[in-house]
Amino acid sequence: MTAPWTAGEEPQVYPIARSGDLVHIRQAIRALSQQCGLSLVDQTKIITAASELARNALTYGGGGTVSAGLVRVDNKRGVAAVFEDSGPGIPDVDQAMTDGWTSGSGLGLGLSGARRLVDDFRLRTAPGEGTAVTIVKWVR
């Protein structure tokens, strides 16, 4: 799934280079969610997922970028974000997507938790090639 950015609404690109960037990313996702008309519950879900994925990109991928914007497919509209890093990649995706598994000191809910919070989730990774995660939350 490539994020189908709404025509005329190119995504904004935000750096993920330091912990302070996570605050800016949460604020950007909140603003897009409000603009799109997501419910408060759905706003909270995509903001939480984005926060987890940005933290993963910073902690495990050495930083990267997130492209975020409004999307539309047929009659559906929503908010999409694509998190990309040039880190080591994920050697065992199945293991990484298992609740409770962590390669660090976290709770092991980052990837699997983010997947449950959004409507569309796509993970692209390979050892030595970095990681890209695309998420979309649709207006209901």
N, C-alpha and C. Protein backbone atom coordinates (compact mmCIF):
# COMPACT_ATOMS: atom_id res chain seq x y z
N MET A 1 0.85 -1.17 0.00
CA MET A 1 0.00 0.00 0.00
C MET A 1 0.89 1.23 0.00
N THR A 2 0.81 1.99 -1.04
CA THR A 2 1.46 3.29 -1.06
C THR A 2 0.43 4.29 -0.61
N ALA A 3 0.82 5.22 0.22
CA ALA A 3 -0.14 6.20 0.71
C ALA A 3 -0.72 6.98 -0.46
N PRO A 4 -2.03 6.92 -0.66
CA PRO A 4 -2.68 7.63 -1.77
C PRO A 4 -2.95 9.08 -1.38
N TRP A 5 -1.93 9.89 -1.42
CA TRP A 5 -2.08 11.28 -0.96
C TRP A 5 -3.15 11.99 -1.77
N THR A 6 -3.97 12.75 -1.09
CA THR A 6 -5.04 13.51 -1.72
C THR A 6 -4.43 14.52 -2.69
N ALA A 7 -4.99 14.61 -3.89
CA ALA A 7 -4.49 15.53 -4.91
C ALA A 7 -4.44 16.95 -4.34
N GLY A 8 -3.34 17.61 -4.56
CA GLY A 8 -3.17 18.97 -4.06
C GLY A 8 -2.81 19.03 -2.59
N GLU A 9 -2.72 17.89 -1.95
CA GLU A 9 -2.40 17.82 -0.51
C GLU A 9 -1.15 16.96 -0.32
N GLU A 10 -0.05 17.40 -0.87
CA GLU A 10 1.19 16.65 -0.70
C GLU A 10 1.51 16.52 0.79
N PRO A 11 2.09 15.40 1.17
CA PRO A 11 2.39 15.19 2.59
C PRO A 11 3.50 16.13 3.07
N GLN A 12 3.46 16.41 4.34
CA GLN A 12 4.55 17.13 5.00
C GLN A 12 5.55 16.09 5.47
N VAL A 13 6.83 16.44 5.39
CA VAL A 13 7.88 15.52 5.83
C VAL A 13 8.49 16.10 7.10
N TYR A 14 8.58 15.26 8.12
CA TYR A 14 9.12 15.67 9.42
C TYR A 14 10.32 14.80 9.76
N PRO A 15 11.36 15.40 10.31
CA PRO A 15 12.53 14.60 10.69
C PRO A 15 12.26 13.83 11.98
N ILE A 16 12.91 12.70 12.10
CA ILE A 16 12.94 11.93 13.35
C ILE A 16 14.41 11.80 13.69
N ALA A 17 14.93 12.78 14.42
CA ALA A 17 16.37 12.80 14.71
C ALA A 17 16.66 12.92 16.21
N ARG A 18 15.69 13.39 16.98
CA ARG A 18 15.90 13.55 18.43
C ARG A 18 14.55 13.41 19.11
N SER A 19 14.56 13.21 20.40
CA SER A 19 13.31 12.96 21.12
C SER A 19 12.31 14.11 20.99
N GLY A 20 12.79 15.34 20.88
CA GLY A 20 11.89 16.48 20.72
C GLY A 20 11.09 16.42 19.43
N ASP A 21 11.60 15.72 18.42
CA ASP A 21 10.86 15.59 17.16
C ASP A 21 9.58 14.79 17.35
N LEU A 22 9.54 13.90 18.34
CA LEU A 22 8.35 13.09 18.57
C LEU A 22 7.16 13.96 18.95
N VAL A 23 7.41 15.04 19.69
CA VAL A 23 6.34 15.97 20.06
C VAL A 23 5.77 16.64 18.82
N HIS A 24 6.65 17.09 17.92
CA HIS A 24 6.19 17.74 16.69
C HIS A 24 5.40 16.79 15.81
N ILE A 25 5.80 15.54 15.77
CA ILE A 25 5.10 14.55 14.97
C ILE A 25 3.70 14.30 15.55
N ARG A 26 3.60 14.15 16.86
CA ARG A 26 2.28 13.98 17.49
C ARG A 26 1.38 15.18 17.20
N GLN A 27 1.93 16.39 17.30
CA GLN A 27 1.15 17.60 17.02
C GLN A 27 0.68 17.63 15.56
N ALA A 28 1.54 17.24 14.64
CA ALA A 28 1.17 17.24 13.22
C ALA A 28 0.07 16.23 12.94
N ILE A 29 0.19 15.04 13.52
CA ILE A 29 -0.83 14.00 13.31
C ILE A 29 -2.15 14.44 13.94
N ARG A 30 -2.09 15.08 15.10
CA ARG A 30 -3.31 15.60 15.74
C ARG A 30 -3.99 16.63 14.83
N ALA A 31 -3.23 17.56 14.28
CA ALA A 31 -3.79 18.60 13.41
C ALA A 31 -4.43 17.98 12.16
N LEU A 32 -3.74 17.02 11.55
CA LEU A 32 -4.30 16.35 10.37
C LEU A 32 -5.57 15.58 10.73
N SER A 33 -5.58 14.93 11.87
CA SER A 33 -6.74 14.15 12.31
C SER A 33 -7.95 15.04 12.53
N GLN A 34 -7.73 16.21 13.12
CA GLN A 34 -8.81 17.15 13.33
C GLN A 34 -9.31 17.70 12.00
N GLN A 35 -8.37 18.04 11.13
CA GLN A 35 -8.72 18.58 9.81
C GLN A 35 -9.54 17.57 9.01
N CYS A 36 -9.21 16.31 9.14
CA CYS A 36 -9.87 15.24 8.40
C CYS A 36 -11.25 14.90 8.98
N GLY A 37 -11.44 15.20 10.26
CA GLY A 37 -12.72 14.89 10.90
C GLY A 37 -12.76 13.56 11.62
N LEU A 38 -11.59 13.03 11.99
CA LEU A 38 -11.57 11.80 12.78
C LEU A 38 -12.20 12.06 14.15
N SER A 39 -12.87 11.05 14.69
CA SER A 39 -13.43 11.17 16.03
C SER A 39 -12.28 11.32 17.04
N LEU A 40 -12.59 11.76 18.22
CA LEU A 40 -11.57 11.93 19.25
C LEU A 40 -10.89 10.60 19.57
N VAL A 41 -11.66 9.53 19.60
CA VAL A 41 -11.09 8.20 19.87
C VAL A 41 -10.12 7.81 18.75
N ASP A 42 -10.53 8.01 17.49
CA ASP A 42 -9.66 7.66 16.37
C ASP A 42 -8.45 8.58 16.28
N GLN A 43 -8.61 9.85 16.67
CA GLN A 43 -7.45 10.75 16.75
C GLN A 43 -6.43 10.19 17.72
N THR A 44 -6.91 9.78 18.89
CA THR A 44 -6.02 9.25 19.92
C THR A 44 -5.31 7.99 19.43
N LYS A 45 -6.03 7.15 18.71
CA LYS A 45 -5.44 5.90 18.20
C LYS A 45 -4.31 6.18 17.22
N ILE A 46 -4.54 7.05 16.24
CA ILE A 46 -3.48 7.27 15.24
C ILE A 46 -2.33 8.06 15.83
N ILE A 47 -2.60 8.96 16.77
CA ILE A 47 -1.52 9.70 17.43
C ILE A 47 -0.66 8.74 18.23
N THR A 48 -1.29 7.81 18.93
CA THR A 48 -0.54 6.82 19.72
C THR A 48 0.30 5.93 18.82
N ALA A 49 -0.29 5.46 17.72
CA ALA A 49 0.45 4.61 16.78
C ALA A 49 1.63 5.38 16.20
N ALA A 50 1.39 6.63 15.80
CA ALA A 50 2.47 7.44 15.22
C ALA A 50 3.59 7.67 16.23
N SER A 51 3.23 7.91 17.46
CA SER A 51 4.23 8.12 18.50
C SER A 51 5.10 6.88 18.69
N GLU A 52 4.47 5.72 18.70
CA GLU A 52 5.21 4.46 18.86
C GLU A 52 6.15 4.22 17.68
N LEU A 53 5.65 4.45 16.48
CA LEU A 53 6.46 4.20 15.29
C LEU A 53 7.61 5.19 15.15
N ALA A 54 7.36 6.45 15.51
CA ALA A 54 8.43 7.44 15.48
C ALA A 54 9.51 7.10 16.51
N ARG A 55 9.07 6.68 17.69
CA ARG A 55 10.04 6.29 18.73
C ARG A 55 10.86 5.08 18.27
N ASN A 56 10.22 4.11 17.63
CA ASN A 56 10.95 2.95 17.09
C ASN A 56 11.98 3.39 16.06
N ALA A 57 11.58 4.29 15.15
CA ALA A 57 12.51 4.76 14.12
C ALA A 57 13.72 5.44 14.75
N LEU A 58 13.48 6.20 15.81
CA LEU A 58 14.57 6.89 16.49
C LEU A 58 15.45 5.91 17.27
N THR A 59 14.82 5.05 18.05
CA THR A 59 15.54 4.15 18.95
C THR A 59 16.26 3.03 18.20
N TYR A 60 15.56 2.38 17.27
CA TYR A 60 16.10 1.19 16.62
C TYR A 60 16.65 1.46 15.22
N GLY A 61 16.14 2.51 14.57
CA GLY A 61 16.55 2.81 13.21
C GLY A 61 17.54 3.95 13.12
N GLY A 62 17.88 4.57 14.26
CA GLY A 62 18.84 5.66 14.26
C GLY A 62 18.27 6.97 13.73
N GLY A 63 16.94 7.05 13.63
CA GLY A 63 16.29 8.25 13.11
C GLY A 63 15.81 8.03 11.70
N GLY A 64 15.14 9.04 11.17
CA GLY A 64 14.60 8.92 9.82
C GLY A 64 13.64 10.06 9.54
N THR A 65 12.56 9.75 8.84
CA THR A 65 11.56 10.75 8.52
C THR A 65 10.17 10.14 8.62
N VAL A 66 9.19 11.02 8.74
CA VAL A 66 7.79 10.62 8.59
C VAL A 66 7.15 11.59 7.61
N SER A 67 6.44 11.03 6.64
CA SER A 67 5.64 11.82 5.70
C SER A 67 4.20 11.62 6.12
N ALA A 68 3.48 12.72 6.37
CA ALA A 68 2.11 12.61 6.86
C ALA A 68 1.20 13.55 6.10
N GLY A 69 0.00 13.07 5.82
CA GLY A 69 -0.95 13.90 5.10
C GLY A 69 -2.32 13.27 5.02
N LEU A 70 -3.22 13.98 4.35
CA LEU A 70 -4.58 13.51 4.13
C LEU A 70 -4.61 12.59 2.93
N VAL A 71 -5.45 11.57 3.00
CA VAL A 71 -5.58 10.61 1.91
C VAL A 71 -7.06 10.42 1.57
N ARG A 72 -7.26 10.01 0.32
CA ARG A 72 -8.63 9.72 -0.15
C ARG A 72 -8.56 8.58 -1.14
N VAL A 73 -9.42 7.60 -0.94
CA VAL A 73 -9.58 6.49 -1.87
C VAL A 73 -11.07 6.29 -2.05
N ASP A 74 -11.52 6.44 -3.29
CA ASP A 74 -12.95 6.37 -3.59
C ASP A 74 -13.68 7.37 -2.68
N ASN A 75 -14.59 6.89 -1.86
CA ASN A 75 -15.33 7.79 -0.97
C ASN A 75 -14.76 7.82 0.44
N LYS A 76 -13.65 7.14 0.67
CA LYS A 76 -13.04 7.12 2.00
C LYS A 76 -11.99 8.22 2.10
N ARG A 77 -11.95 8.85 3.27
CA ARG A 77 -10.90 9.83 3.52
C ARG A 77 -10.29 9.53 4.88
N GLY A 78 -9.01 9.91 5.02
CA GLY A 78 -8.33 9.61 6.26
C GLY A 78 -7.00 10.32 6.36
N VAL A 79 -6.22 9.85 7.33
CA VAL A 79 -4.88 10.38 7.59
C VAL A 79 -3.90 9.23 7.42
N ALA A 80 -2.81 9.50 6.71
CA ALA A 80 -1.77 8.49 6.49
C ALA A 80 -0.43 9.04 6.94
N ALA A 81 0.43 8.14 7.36
CA ALA A 81 1.79 8.50 7.73
C ALA A 81 2.72 7.37 7.32
N VAL A 82 3.86 7.74 6.75
CA VAL A 82 4.86 6.77 6.33
C VAL A 82 6.14 7.06 7.10
N PHE A 83 6.55 6.12 7.94
CA PHE A 83 7.75 6.24 8.78
C PHE A 83 8.87 5.47 8.09
N GLU A 84 10.01 6.13 7.85
CA GLU A 84 11.12 5.48 7.16
C GLU A 84 12.43 5.74 7.91
N ASP A 85 13.23 4.70 8.01
CA ASP A 85 14.57 4.85 8.58
C ASP A 85 15.55 4.05 7.75
N SER A 86 16.83 4.32 7.94
CA SER A 86 17.90 3.62 7.23
C SER A 86 18.68 2.73 8.17
N GLY A 87 18.00 2.29 9.22
CA GLY A 87 18.65 1.47 10.24
C GLY A 87 18.95 0.07 9.77
N PRO A 88 19.18 -0.83 10.72
CA PRO A 88 19.59 -2.19 10.39
C PRO A 88 18.47 -3.07 9.83
N GLY A 89 17.23 -2.60 9.85
CA GLY A 89 16.12 -3.43 9.41
C GLY A 89 15.72 -4.41 10.49
N ILE A 90 14.68 -5.16 10.23
CA ILE A 90 14.16 -6.12 11.20
C ILE A 90 14.42 -7.52 10.65
N PRO A 91 15.29 -8.29 11.30
CA PRO A 91 15.65 -9.60 10.76
C PRO A 91 14.51 -10.63 10.81
N ASP A 92 13.62 -10.55 11.82
CA ASP A 92 12.54 -11.52 11.95
C ASP A 92 11.24 -10.76 12.19
N VAL A 93 10.52 -10.46 11.12
CA VAL A 93 9.30 -9.66 11.20
C VAL A 93 8.24 -10.35 12.05
N ASP A 94 8.06 -11.65 11.87
CA ASP A 94 7.05 -12.37 12.66
C ASP A 94 7.32 -12.22 14.15
N GLN A 95 8.56 -12.36 14.54
CA GLN A 95 8.92 -12.22 15.95
C GLN A 95 8.69 -10.78 16.41
N ALA A 96 9.09 -9.80 15.59
CA ALA A 96 8.93 -8.39 15.96
C ALA A 96 7.47 -8.00 16.09
N MET A 97 6.57 -8.68 15.38
CA MET A 97 5.15 -8.36 15.43
C MET A 97 4.42 -9.13 16.54
N THR A 98 5.14 -9.92 17.31
CA THR A 98 4.55 -10.68 18.40
C THR A 98 4.46 -9.82 19.65
N ASP A 99 3.26 -9.75 20.23
CA ASP A 99 3.09 -8.98 21.47
C ASP A 99 4.05 -9.48 22.53
N GLY A 100 4.71 -8.56 23.19
CA GLY A 100 5.60 -8.90 24.29
C GLY A 100 7.05 -9.10 23.89
N TRP A 101 7.33 -9.28 22.60
CA TRP A 101 8.72 -9.45 22.19
C TRP A 101 9.33 -8.07 22.02
N THR A 102 10.53 -7.89 22.55
CA THR A 102 11.23 -6.62 22.39
C THR A 102 12.70 -6.87 22.18
N SER A 103 13.30 -6.03 21.35
CA SER A 103 14.75 -6.12 21.16
C SER A 103 15.46 -5.17 22.10
N GLY A 104 14.69 -4.45 22.89
CA GLY A 104 15.26 -3.48 23.82
C GLY A 104 14.64 -3.65 25.20
N SER A 105 14.38 -2.54 25.84
CA SER A 105 13.86 -2.59 27.20
C SER A 105 12.38 -2.21 27.25
N GLY A 106 11.71 -2.12 26.10
CA GLY A 106 10.31 -1.72 26.08
C GLY A 106 9.38 -2.86 26.43
N LEU A 107 8.08 -2.59 26.28
CA LEU A 107 7.06 -3.58 26.59
C LEU A 107 6.81 -4.55 25.44
N GLY A 108 7.37 -4.26 24.28
CA GLY A 108 7.16 -5.14 23.14
C GLY A 108 5.79 -4.97 22.51
N LEU A 109 5.23 -3.77 22.57
CA LEU A 109 3.91 -3.52 22.00
C LEU A 109 3.94 -2.47 20.89
N GLY A 110 5.12 -1.99 20.51
CA GLY A 110 5.23 -0.91 19.53
C GLY A 110 4.64 -1.26 18.19
N LEU A 111 5.20 -2.22 17.47
CA LEU A 111 4.71 -2.57 16.14
C LEU A 111 3.34 -3.23 16.19
N SER A 112 3.19 -4.23 17.05
CA SER A 112 1.90 -4.93 17.11
C SER A 112 0.81 -4.02 17.64
N GLY A 113 1.14 -3.18 18.59
CA GLY A 113 0.16 -2.23 19.13
C GLY A 113 -0.25 -1.21 18.08
N ALA A 114 0.72 -0.69 17.35
CA ALA A 114 0.42 0.28 16.29
C ALA A 114 -0.49 -0.36 15.24
N ARG A 115 -0.21 -1.59 14.89
CA ARG A 115 -1.03 -2.29 13.89
C ARG A 115 -2.49 -2.38 14.34
N ARG A 116 -2.71 -2.65 15.62
CA ARG A 116 -4.08 -2.77 16.13
C ARG A 116 -4.81 -1.43 16.19
N LEU A 117 -4.07 -0.33 16.29
CA LEU A 117 -4.68 0.99 16.47
C LEU A 117 -5.14 1.65 15.16
N VAL A 118 -4.67 1.15 14.03
CA VAL A 118 -4.97 1.80 12.76
C VAL A 118 -5.78 0.85 11.86
N ASP A 119 -6.29 1.41 10.76
CA ASP A 119 -7.09 0.61 9.85
C ASP A 119 -6.25 -0.11 8.81
N ASP A 120 -5.20 0.54 8.34
CA ASP A 120 -4.28 -0.07 7.38
C ASP A 120 -2.86 0.04 7.93
N PHE A 121 -2.11 -1.04 7.81
CA PHE A 121 -0.75 -1.11 8.34
C PHE A 121 0.08 -1.91 7.36
N ARG A 122 1.19 -1.34 6.93
CA ARG A 122 2.10 -2.08 6.04
C ARG A 122 3.53 -1.87 6.52
N LEU A 123 4.25 -2.96 6.63
CA LEU A 123 5.64 -2.95 7.07
C LEU A 123 6.52 -3.48 5.95
N ARG A 124 7.54 -2.69 5.61
CA ARG A 124 8.52 -3.12 4.60
C ARG A 124 9.89 -2.99 5.26
N THR A 125 10.62 -4.08 5.32
CA THR A 125 11.93 -4.06 5.96
C THR A 125 12.77 -5.21 5.43
N ALA A 126 14.05 -5.03 5.57
CA ALA A 126 14.99 -6.09 5.23
C ALA A 126 16.28 -5.80 5.99
N PRO A 127 16.95 -6.85 6.46
CA PRO A 127 18.21 -6.63 7.17
C PRO A 127 19.17 -5.80 6.34
N GLY A 128 19.70 -4.75 6.94
CA GLY A 128 20.65 -3.87 6.28
C GLY A 128 20.03 -2.83 5.36
N GLU A 129 18.71 -2.83 5.23
CA GLU A 129 18.05 -1.91 4.30
C GLU A 129 17.05 -0.97 4.96
N GLY A 130 16.98 -0.96 6.27
CA GLY A 130 16.07 -0.05 6.94
C GLY A 130 14.64 -0.58 7.00
N THR A 131 13.75 0.29 7.47
CA THR A 131 12.36 -0.09 7.69
C THR A 131 11.46 1.05 7.25
N ALA A 132 10.33 0.69 6.66
CA ALA A 132 9.29 1.66 6.33
C ALA A 132 7.96 1.10 6.81
N VAL A 133 7.21 1.90 7.54
CA VAL A 133 5.90 1.51 8.03
C VAL A 133 4.90 2.55 7.57
N THR A 134 3.85 2.09 6.90
CA THR A 134 2.77 2.98 6.44
C THR A 134 1.53 2.66 7.25
N ILE A 135 0.90 3.71 7.78
CA ILE A 135 -0.35 3.54 8.53
C ILE A 135 -1.41 4.49 7.97
N VAL A 136 -2.66 4.06 8.06
CA VAL A 136 -3.79 4.91 7.66
C VAL A 136 -4.91 4.71 8.67
N LYS A 137 -5.54 5.80 9.05
CA LYS A 137 -6.76 5.75 9.87
C LYS A 137 -7.84 6.44 9.06
N TRP A 138 -8.93 5.71 8.78
CA TRP A 138 -10.01 6.22 7.94
C TRP A 138 -11.12 6.83 8.79
N VAL A 139 -11.77 7.86 8.27
CA VAL A 139 -12.94 8.43 8.93
C VAL A 139 -14.07 7.41 8.80
N ARG A 140 -14.75 7.17 9.90
CA ARG A 140 -15.86 6.19 9.90
C ARG A 140 -17.16 6.89 9.66
